[in-house]
Amino acid sequence: MSLQLVFKGFSLGAVSGILYGVAGIALNQVTGVFPFEMNMALLLTTFATGGAIFGVITGCLMSVTENLFLPGRPVLKASVISVGFWLALRFGAALLTASDPSRYHPDIGQTVQGFALSLLLGVILGSLWKAKALEEVFGR
């Protein structure tokens, strides 16, 4: 694993995560799963930052597993990694629910929306990963 590959995972993960955050706002506006409690500028900042963090983790996992897991299939690989990471976070939320159900309670609408968005992040990241236009910048 080269430093260039890690940079590719980090930067493409950040870009795809920001796009994922904007898509999350748009999807929520359409579905109305949960009400927004802040203005749009703060909302964009929050979702873009959270999306970038989620994307960077997913992108770096893509770099680490470059030749180990689903080589040559970046969209499927990114989708599996993204959904797997989201499921791990969801499992942690389930543990919180089990420990204090009055404070932490699951919301089915948010769970479905989170799953769909994690899948979307994987598709965005995988598509950017295999984009021929970006081979000049990152190689391979």
C-alpha atoms as a PDB file:
ATOM      1  CA  MET A   1       0.000   0.000   0.000  1.00  0.00           C
ATOM      2  CA  SER A   2       1.491   3.278  -1.102  1.00  0.00           C
ATOM      3  CA  LEU A   3       1.147   6.765   0.294  1.00  0.00           C
ATOM      4  CA  GLN A   4      -0.470   7.786  -2.993  1.00  0.00           C
ATOM      5  CA  LEU A   5      -3.191   5.160  -2.457  1.00  0.00           C
ATOM      6  CA  VAL A   6      -3.865   6.419   1.079  1.00  0.00           C
ATOM      7  CA  PHE A   7      -4.083   9.985  -0.260  1.00  0.00           C
ATOM      8  CA  LYS A   8      -6.545   8.760  -2.883  1.00  0.00           C
ATOM      9  CA  GLY A   9      -8.717   7.116  -0.227  1.00  0.00           C
ATOM     10  CA  PHE A  10      -8.579  10.152   2.036  1.00  0.00           C
ATOM     11  CA  SER A  11      -9.321  12.764  -0.611  1.00  0.00           C
ATOM     12  CA  LEU A  12     -11.952  10.826  -2.572  1.00  0.00           C
ATOM     13  CA  GLY A  13     -13.545   9.807   0.703  1.00  0.00           C
ATOM     14  CA  ALA A  14     -13.782  13.441   1.785  1.00  0.00           C
ATOM     15  CA  VAL A  15     -15.262  14.552  -1.546  1.00  0.00           C
ATOM     16  CA  SER A  16     -17.768  11.710  -1.672  1.00  0.00           C
ATOM     17  CA  GLY A  17     -18.657  12.289   1.981  1.00  0.00           C
ATOM     18  CA  ILE A  18     -19.445  15.944   1.348  1.00  0.00           C
ATOM     19  CA  LEU A  19     -21.630  14.961  -1.603  1.00  0.00           C
ATOM     20  CA  TYR A  20     -23.233  12.346   0.661  1.00  0.00           C
ATOM     21  CA  GLY A  21     -23.968  15.024   3.274  1.00  0.00           C
ATOM     22  CA  VAL A  22     -25.682  17.263   0.723  1.00  0.00           C
ATOM     23  CA  ALA A  23     -27.642  14.252  -0.559  1.00  0.00           C
ATOM     24  CA  GLY A  24     -28.672  13.516   3.038  1.00  0.00           C
ATOM     25  CA  ILE A  25     -30.173  16.971   3.391  1.00  0.00           C
ATOM     26  CA  ALA A  26     -31.977  16.631   0.071  1.00  0.00           C
ATOM     27  CA  LEU A  27     -33.305  13.160   0.916  1.00  0.00           C
ATOM     28  CA  ASN A  28     -34.553  14.353   4.269  1.00  0.00           C
ATOM     29  CA  GLN A  29     -36.291  17.326   2.670  1.00  0.00           C
ATOM     30  CA  VAL A  30     -38.144  14.897   0.395  1.00  0.00           C
ATOM     31  CA  THR A  31     -38.970  12.273   3.030  1.00  0.00           C
ATOM     32  CA  GLY A  32     -39.319  14.506   6.090  1.00  0.00           C
ATOM     33  CA  VAL A  33     -38.031  11.719   8.355  1.00  0.00           C
ATOM     34  CA  PHE A  34     -36.783  14.145  10.980  1.00  0.00           C
ATOM     35  CA  PRO A  35     -37.246  17.900  11.390  1.00  0.00           C
ATOM     36  CA  PHE A  36     -34.214  20.140  11.015  1.00  0.00           C
ATOM     37  CA  GLU A  37     -33.474  22.310  14.029  1.00  0.00           C
ATOM     38  CA  MET A  38     -31.049  24.836  12.495  1.00  0.00           C
ATOM     39  CA  ASN A  39     -30.683  27.159   9.525  1.00  0.00           C
ATOM     40  CA  MET A  40     -29.482  25.891   6.146  1.00  0.00           C
ATOM     41  CA  ALA A  41     -25.907  27.251   6.424  1.00  0.00           C
ATOM     42  CA  LEU A  42     -25.337  25.444   9.716  1.00  0.00           C
ATOM     43  CA  LEU A  43     -27.078  22.375   8.360  1.00  0.00           C
ATOM     44  CA  LEU A  44     -24.824  22.231   5.283  1.00  0.00           C
ATOM     45  CA  THR A  45     -21.735  22.677   7.448  1.00  0.00           C
ATOM     46  CA  THR A  46     -22.787  19.944   9.855  1.00  0.00           C
ATOM     47  CA  PHE A  47     -23.816  17.422   7.214  1.00  0.00           C
ATOM     48  CA  ALA A  48     -20.771  18.132   5.025  1.00  0.00           C
ATOM     49  CA  THR A  49     -18.408  17.719   7.973  1.00  0.00           C
ATOM     50  CA  GLY A  50     -20.081  14.540   9.216  1.00  0.00           C
ATOM     51  CA  GLY A  51     -20.235  13.182   5.674  1.00  0.00           C
ATOM     52  CA  ALA A  52     -16.570  13.972   5.108  1.00  0.00           C
ATOM     53  CA  ILE A  53     -15.602  12.084   8.274  1.00  0.00           C
ATOM     54  CA  PHE A  54     -17.728   9.082   7.262  1.00  0.00           C
ATOM     55  CA  GLY A  55     -16.312   9.277   3.719  1.00  0.00           C
ATOM     56  CA  VAL A  56     -12.678   9.550   4.842  1.00  0.00           C
ATOM     57  CA  ILE A  57     -13.040   6.451   7.020  1.00  0.00           C
ATOM     58  CA  THR A  58     -14.671   4.562   4.150  1.00  0.00           C
ATOM     59  CA  GLY A  59     -12.085   5.822   1.635  1.00  0.00           C
ATOM     60  CA  CYS A  60      -9.162   4.867   3.864  1.00  0.00           C
ATOM     61  CA  LEU A  61     -10.660   1.400   4.347  1.00  0.00           C
ATOM     62  CA  MET A  62     -10.849   1.202   0.542  1.00  0.00           C
ATOM     63  CA  SER A  63      -7.116   1.960   0.395  1.00  0.00           C
ATOM     64  CA  VAL A  64      -6.204  -0.568   3.070  1.00  0.00           C
ATOM     65  CA  THR A  65      -8.171  -3.356   1.382  1.00  0.00           C
ATOM     66  CA  GLU A  66      -7.102  -2.453  -2.166  1.00  0.00           C
ATOM     67  CA  ASN A  67      -5.950  -5.971  -3.159  1.00  0.00           C
ATOM     68  CA  LEU A  68      -7.493  -7.976  -0.329  1.00  0.00           C
ATOM     69  CA  PHE A  69     -11.210  -7.566  -0.789  1.00  0.00           C
ATOM     70  CA  LEU A  70     -13.147  -7.438  -4.083  1.00  0.00           C
ATOM     71  CA  PRO A  71     -10.230  -6.234  -6.236  1.00  0.00           C
ATOM     72  CA  GLY A  72     -11.305  -4.553  -9.450  1.00  0.00           C
ATOM     73  CA  ARG A  73     -14.870  -3.877  -8.249  1.00  0.00           C
ATOM     74  CA  PRO A  74     -14.667  -0.474  -6.553  1.00  0.00           C
ATOM     75  CA  VAL A  75     -18.389   0.366  -6.503  1.00  0.00           C
ATOM     76  CA  LEU A  76     -19.359  -2.921  -4.868  1.00  0.00           C
ATOM     77  CA  LYS A  77     -16.381  -2.760  -2.518  1.00  0.00           C
ATOM     78  CA  ALA A  78     -17.107   0.822  -1.424  1.00  0.00           C
ATOM     79  CA  SER A  79     -20.778  -0.013  -0.936  1.00  0.00           C
ATOM     80  CA  VAL A  80     -19.998  -3.056   1.221  1.00  0.00           C
ATOM     81  CA  ILE A  81     -17.466  -1.097   3.302  1.00  0.00           C
ATOM     82  CA  SER A  82     -19.785   1.885   3.724  1.00  0.00           C
ATOM     83  CA  VAL A  83     -22.807  -0.207   4.691  1.00  0.00           C
ATOM     84  CA  GLY A  84     -20.641  -2.362   6.959  1.00  0.00           C
ATOM     85  CA  PHE A  85     -19.295   0.693   8.757  1.00  0.00           C
ATOM     86  CA  TRP A  86     -22.823   2.090   9.071  1.00  0.00           C
ATOM     87  CA  LEU A  87     -24.048  -1.252  10.475  1.00  0.00           C
ATOM     88  CA  ALA A  88     -21.254  -1.162  13.061  1.00  0.00           C
ATOM     89  CA  LEU A  89     -22.412   2.312  14.118  1.00  0.00           C
ATOM     90  CA  ARG A  90     -26.014   1.082  14.168  1.00  0.00           C
ATOM     91  CA  PHE A  91     -24.967  -1.856  16.367  1.00  0.00           C
ATOM     92  CA  GLY A  92     -23.425   0.628  18.803  1.00  0.00           C
ATOM     93  CA  ALA A  93     -26.694   2.555  18.815  1.00  0.00           C
ATOM     94  CA  ALA A  94     -28.558  -0.677  19.556  1.00  0.00           C
ATOM     95  CA  LEU A  95     -26.293  -1.256  22.554  1.00  0.00           C
ATOM     96  CA  LEU A  96     -27.121   2.231  23.808  1.00  0.00           C
ATOM     97  CA  THR A  97     -30.812   1.467  23.372  1.00  0.00           C
ATOM     98  CA  ALA A  98     -30.441  -1.741  25.369  1.00  0.00           C
ATOM     99  CA  SER A  99     -28.626   0.054  28.171  1.00  0.00           C
ATOM    100  CA  ASP A 100     -31.070   2.971  28.525  1.00  0.00           C
ATOM    101  CA  PRO A 101     -34.227   2.601  26.392  1.00  0.00           C
ATOM    102  CA  SER A 102     -35.881   5.719  27.810  1.00  0.00           C
ATOM    103  CA  ARG A 103     -32.997   7.918  26.630  1.00  0.00           C
ATOM    104  CA  TYR A 104     -31.886   6.146  23.437  1.00  0.00           C
ATOM    105  CA  HIS A 105     -34.722   4.877  21.314  1.00  0.00           C
ATOM    106  CA  PRO A 106     -34.511   3.566  17.746  1.00  0.00           C
ATOM    107  CA  ASP A 107     -36.292   5.377  14.951  1.00  0.00           C
ATOM    108  CA  ILE A 108     -37.134   3.101  12.028  1.00  0.00           C
ATOM    109  CA  GLY A 109     -37.367   5.986   9.541  1.00  0.00           C
ATOM    110  CA  GLN A 110     -33.909   7.248  10.414  1.00  0.00           C
ATOM    111  CA  THR A 111     -32.552   3.699  10.289  1.00  0.00           C
ATOM    112  CA  VAL A 112     -33.857   3.138   6.768  1.00  0.00           C
ATOM    113  CA  GLN A 113     -32.659   6.557   5.645  1.00  0.00           C
ATOM    114  CA  GLY A 114     -29.206   5.929   7.148  1.00  0.00           C
ATOM    115  CA  PHE A 115     -28.940   2.607   5.338  1.00  0.00           C
ATOM    116  CA  ALA A 116     -29.927   4.196   2.018  1.00  0.00           C
ATOM    117  CA  LEU A 117     -27.456   7.028   2.505  1.00  0.00           C
ATOM    118  CA  SER A 118     -24.608   4.674   3.409  1.00  0.00           C
ATOM    119  CA  LEU A 119     -25.322   2.766   0.224  1.00  0.00           C
ATOM    120  CA  LEU A 120     -25.322   6.054  -1.690  1.00  0.00           C
ATOM    121  CA  LEU A 121     -21.951   6.976  -0.175  1.00  0.00           C
ATOM    122  CA  GLY A 122     -20.548   3.668  -1.378  1.00  0.00           C
ATOM    123  CA  VAL A 123     -21.831   4.227  -4.900  1.00  0.00           C
ATOM    124  CA  ILE A 124     -20.436   7.775  -5.015  1.00  0.00           C
ATOM    125  CA  LEU A 125     -17.040   6.738  -3.628  1.00  0.00           C
ATOM    126  CA  GLY A 126     -16.785   3.668  -5.864  1.00  0.00           C
ATOM    127  CA  SER A 127     -17.706   5.682  -8.943  1.00  0.00           C
ATOM    128  CA  LEU A 128     -15.093   8.320  -8.148  1.00  0.00           C
ATOM    129  CA  TRP A 129     -12.552   5.582  -7.377  1.00  0.00           C
ATOM    130  CA  LYS A 130     -12.865   4.046 -10.825  1.00  0.00           C
ATOM    131  CA  ALA A 131     -13.231   7.345 -12.750  1.00  0.00           C
ATOM    132  CA  LYS A 132     -10.727   7.449 -15.604  1.00  0.00           C
ATOM    133  CA  ALA A 133     -10.444  11.246 -15.343  1.00  0.00           C
ATOM    134  CA  LEU A 134      -8.923  10.926 -11.867  1.00  0.00           C
ATOM    135  CA  GLU A 135      -6.205   8.451 -12.866  1.00  0.00           C
ATOM    136  CA  GLU A 136      -3.912  11.374 -13.733  1.00  0.00           C
ATOM    137  CA  VAL A 137      -4.161  12.726 -10.207  1.00  0.00           C
ATOM    138  CA  PHE A 138      -3.970   9.494  -8.206  1.00  0.00           C
ATOM    139  CA  GLY A 139      -2.626   6.894 -10.623  1.00  0.00           C
ATOM    140  CA  ARG A 140      -4.275   3.528 -11.221  1.00  0.00           C
END
